[in-house]
């Protein structure tokens, strides 16, 4: 199992809109494409309270590439993303990392 950690820094004032998009649109499309979420977090205390961080789990990088390609080109995603950004982008910056659990990790 590999985990992709994705981190978004929302545009000022747009984190609530980004959270709503995940809650009402993105997660349904993740499910449609077999993308399994492992958790979502916002910053309670720290450098920035404009961040959304989440993990998605895959059996392999090949599975990730196949599922992410299907999701990112899905016409419904493209349309609904455009609707949510009609007043400007929701995300200022984005980063991702691929994580492999250690042999002693509680999460495998």
C-alpha atoms as a PDB file:
ATOM      1  CA  UNK A   1       0.000   0.000   0.000  1.00  0.00           C
ATOM      2  CA  UNK A   2       1.171   3.512  -0.776  1.00  0.00           C
ATOM      3  CA  UNK A   3      -0.344   6.738   0.445  1.00  0.00           C
ATOM      4  CA  UNK A   4      -0.405  10.029  -1.378  1.00  0.00           C
ATOM      5  CA  UNK A   5      -0.364  13.032   0.921  1.00  0.00           C
ATOM      6  CA  UNK A   6      -1.828  16.051  -0.832  1.00  0.00           C
ATOM      7  CA  UNK A   7      -1.669  19.536   0.643  1.00  0.00           C
ATOM      8  CA  UNK A   8      -3.583  22.538  -0.634  1.00  0.00           C
ATOM      9  CA  UNK A   9      -3.130  26.112   0.531  1.00  0.00           C
ATOM     10  CA  UNK A  10      -6.426  27.840  -0.136  1.00  0.00           C
ATOM     11  CA  UNK A  11      -6.695  31.346  -1.476  1.00  0.00           C
ATOM     12  CA  UNK A  12      -7.401  33.805   1.365  1.00  0.00           C
ATOM     13  CA  UNK A  13     -10.971  33.367   2.529  1.00  0.00           C
ATOM     14  CA  UNK A  14     -11.629  30.388   0.228  1.00  0.00           C
ATOM     15  CA  UNK A  15     -10.937  27.420   2.549  1.00  0.00           C
ATOM     16  CA  UNK A  16     -14.658  27.020   3.374  1.00  0.00           C
ATOM     17  CA  UNK A  17     -15.396  26.826  -0.372  1.00  0.00           C
ATOM     18  CA  UNK A  18     -12.635  24.248  -0.882  1.00  0.00           C
ATOM     19  CA  UNK A  19     -13.935  22.124   2.001  1.00  0.00           C
ATOM     20  CA  UNK A  20     -17.477  22.322   0.616  1.00  0.00           C
ATOM     21  CA  UNK A  21     -16.265  21.207  -2.826  1.00  0.00           C
ATOM     22  CA  UNK A  22     -14.594  18.145  -1.327  1.00  0.00           C
ATOM     23  CA  UNK A  23     -17.612  17.352   0.829  1.00  0.00           C
ATOM     24  CA  UNK A  24     -20.275  17.740  -1.851  1.00  0.00           C
ATOM     25  CA  UNK A  25     -18.477  17.017  -5.152  1.00  0.00           C
ATOM     26  CA  UNK A  26     -14.948  15.634  -5.026  1.00  0.00           C
ATOM     27  CA  UNK A  27     -15.478  12.732  -2.627  1.00  0.00           C
ATOM     28  CA  UNK A  28     -18.393  11.386  -4.691  1.00  0.00           C
ATOM     29  CA  UNK A  29     -16.159  11.422  -7.756  1.00  0.00           C
ATOM     30  CA  UNK A  30     -13.311   9.801  -5.802  1.00  0.00           C
ATOM     31  CA  UNK A  31     -15.734   7.002  -4.937  1.00  0.00           C
ATOM     32  CA  UNK A  32     -16.860   6.719  -8.562  1.00  0.00           C
ATOM     33  CA  UNK A  33     -13.238   6.227  -9.635  1.00  0.00           C
ATOM     34  CA  UNK A  34     -12.238   3.937  -6.759  1.00  0.00           C
ATOM     35  CA  UNK A  35      -9.974   6.469  -5.029  1.00  0.00           C
ATOM     36  CA  UNK A  36      -9.934   5.560  -1.335  1.00  0.00           C
ATOM     37  CA  UNK A  37      -9.457   8.414   1.108  1.00  0.00           C
ATOM     38  CA  UNK A  38      -7.524   7.716   4.305  1.00  0.00           C
ATOM     39  CA  UNK A  39      -8.242  11.027   6.058  1.00  0.00           C
ATOM     40  CA  UNK A  40      -8.606  14.794   5.771  1.00  0.00           C
ATOM     41  CA  UNK A  41      -7.229  17.486   8.046  1.00  0.00           C
ATOM     42  CA  UNK A  42      -7.185  21.241   8.467  1.00  0.00           C
ATOM     43  CA  UNK A  43      -4.674  23.072  10.625  1.00  0.00           C
ATOM     44  CA  UNK A  44      -5.864  23.673  14.181  1.00  0.00           C
ATOM     45  CA  UNK A  45      -2.608  25.247  15.419  1.00  0.00           C
ATOM     46  CA  UNK A  46       0.384  25.945  13.223  1.00  0.00           C
ATOM     47  CA  UNK A  47       1.860  27.980  10.439  1.00  0.00           C
ATOM     48  CA  UNK A  48      -1.315  28.496   8.410  1.00  0.00           C
ATOM     49  CA  UNK A  49      -5.005  27.908   8.868  1.00  0.00           C
ATOM     50  CA  UNK A  50      -5.548  28.068   5.089  1.00  0.00           C
ATOM     51  CA  UNK A  51      -4.396  24.469   4.505  1.00  0.00           C
ATOM     52  CA  UNK A  52      -6.254  21.286   3.663  1.00  0.00           C
ATOM     53  CA  UNK A  53      -4.192  18.099   3.900  1.00  0.00           C
ATOM     54  CA  UNK A  54      -5.434  14.650   2.987  1.00  0.00           C
ATOM     55  CA  UNK A  55      -4.271  11.112   2.313  1.00  0.00           C
ATOM     56  CA  UNK A  56      -5.465   8.748  -0.379  1.00  0.00           C
ATOM     57  CA  UNK A  57      -4.473   5.075  -0.471  1.00  0.00           C
ATOM     58  CA  UNK A  58      -3.480   2.937  -3.436  1.00  0.00           C
ATOM     59  CA  UNK A  59      -2.213  -0.604  -3.884  1.00  0.00           C
ATOM     60  CA  UNK A  60       0.491   0.625  -6.297  1.00  0.00           C
ATOM     61  CA  UNK A  61       1.696   3.625  -8.286  1.00  0.00           C
ATOM     62  CA  UNK A  62       0.210   2.051 -11.419  1.00  0.00           C
ATOM     63  CA  UNK A  63      -3.204   1.935  -9.744  1.00  0.00           C
ATOM     64  CA  UNK A  64      -2.791   5.555  -8.674  1.00  0.00           C
ATOM     65  CA  UNK A  65      -1.914   6.707 -12.184  1.00  0.00           C
ATOM     66  CA  UNK A  66      -4.888   4.895 -13.708  1.00  0.00           C
ATOM     67  CA  UNK A  67      -7.440   6.117 -11.158  1.00  0.00           C
ATOM     68  CA  UNK A  68      -6.121   9.681 -10.946  1.00  0.00           C
ATOM     69  CA  UNK A  69      -6.093  10.001 -14.738  1.00  0.00           C
ATOM     70  CA  UNK A  70      -9.727   8.867 -14.909  1.00  0.00           C
ATOM     71  CA  UNK A  71     -10.755  11.266 -12.141  1.00  0.00           C
ATOM     72  CA  UNK A  72      -8.892  14.300 -13.473  1.00  0.00           C
ATOM     73  CA  UNK A  73     -10.358  13.911 -16.979  1.00  0.00           C
ATOM     74  CA  UNK A  74     -13.898  13.099 -15.861  1.00  0.00           C
ATOM     75  CA  UNK A  75     -16.227  15.607 -17.601  1.00  0.00           C
ATOM     76  CA  UNK A  76     -18.339  15.913 -14.440  1.00  0.00           C
ATOM     77  CA  UNK A  77     -15.237  16.893 -12.398  1.00  0.00           C
ATOM     78  CA  UNK A  78     -14.115  19.404 -15.020  1.00  0.00           C
ATOM     79  CA  UNK A  79     -17.570  20.995 -15.149  1.00  0.00           C
ATOM     80  CA  UNK A  80     -18.171  21.126 -11.396  1.00  0.00           C
ATOM     81  CA  UNK A  81     -14.656  22.359 -10.684  1.00  0.00           C
ATOM     82  CA  UNK A  82     -15.276  25.204 -13.133  1.00  0.00           C
ATOM     83  CA  UNK A  83     -18.565  26.054 -11.411  1.00  0.00           C
ATOM     84  CA  UNK A  84     -16.878  26.238  -7.996  1.00  0.00           C
ATOM     85  CA  UNK A  85     -14.171  28.519  -9.386  1.00  0.00           C
ATOM     86  CA  UNK A  86     -16.415  30.991 -11.214  1.00  0.00           C
ATOM     87  CA  UNK A  87     -15.376  33.649  -8.665  1.00  0.00           C
ATOM     88  CA  UNK A  88     -11.704  32.740  -8.891  1.00  0.00           C
ATOM     89  CA  UNK A  89      -9.474  29.816  -7.964  1.00  0.00           C
ATOM     90  CA  UNK A  90      -9.859  28.092  -4.601  1.00  0.00           C
ATOM     91  CA  UNK A  91      -6.251  26.882  -4.348  1.00  0.00           C
ATOM     92  CA  UNK A  92      -3.153  29.074  -4.154  1.00  0.00           C
ATOM     93  CA  UNK A  93      -0.535  26.300  -4.005  1.00  0.00           C
ATOM     94  CA  UNK A  94      -0.478  22.512  -4.023  1.00  0.00           C
ATOM     95  CA  UNK A  95       2.052  19.829  -3.132  1.00  0.00           C
ATOM     96  CA  UNK A  96       2.014  16.068  -2.880  1.00  0.00           C
ATOM     97  CA  UNK A  97       4.206  13.279  -1.569  1.00  0.00           C
ATOM     98  CA  UNK A  98       4.021   9.504  -1.859  1.00  0.00           C
ATOM     99  CA  UNK A  99       4.428   7.707   1.445  1.00  0.00           C
ATOM    100  CA  UNK A 100       5.230   4.057   2.120  1.00  0.00           C
ATOM    101  CA  UNK A 101       4.428   2.704   5.597  1.00  0.00           C
ATOM    102  CA  UNK A 102       7.346   1.372   7.625  1.00  0.00           C
ATOM    103  CA  UNK A 103       7.320  -2.217   8.884  1.00  0.00           C
ATOM    104  CA  UNK A 104       6.300  -0.971  12.340  1.00  0.00           C
ATOM    105  CA  UNK A 105       3.581   1.442  11.239  1.00  0.00           C
ATOM    106  CA  UNK A 106       0.082   0.967  12.660  1.00  0.00           C
ATOM    107  CA  UNK A 107      -1.169   2.005   9.214  1.00  0.00           C
ATOM    108  CA  UNK A 108      -0.195  -0.494   6.520  1.00  0.00           C
END
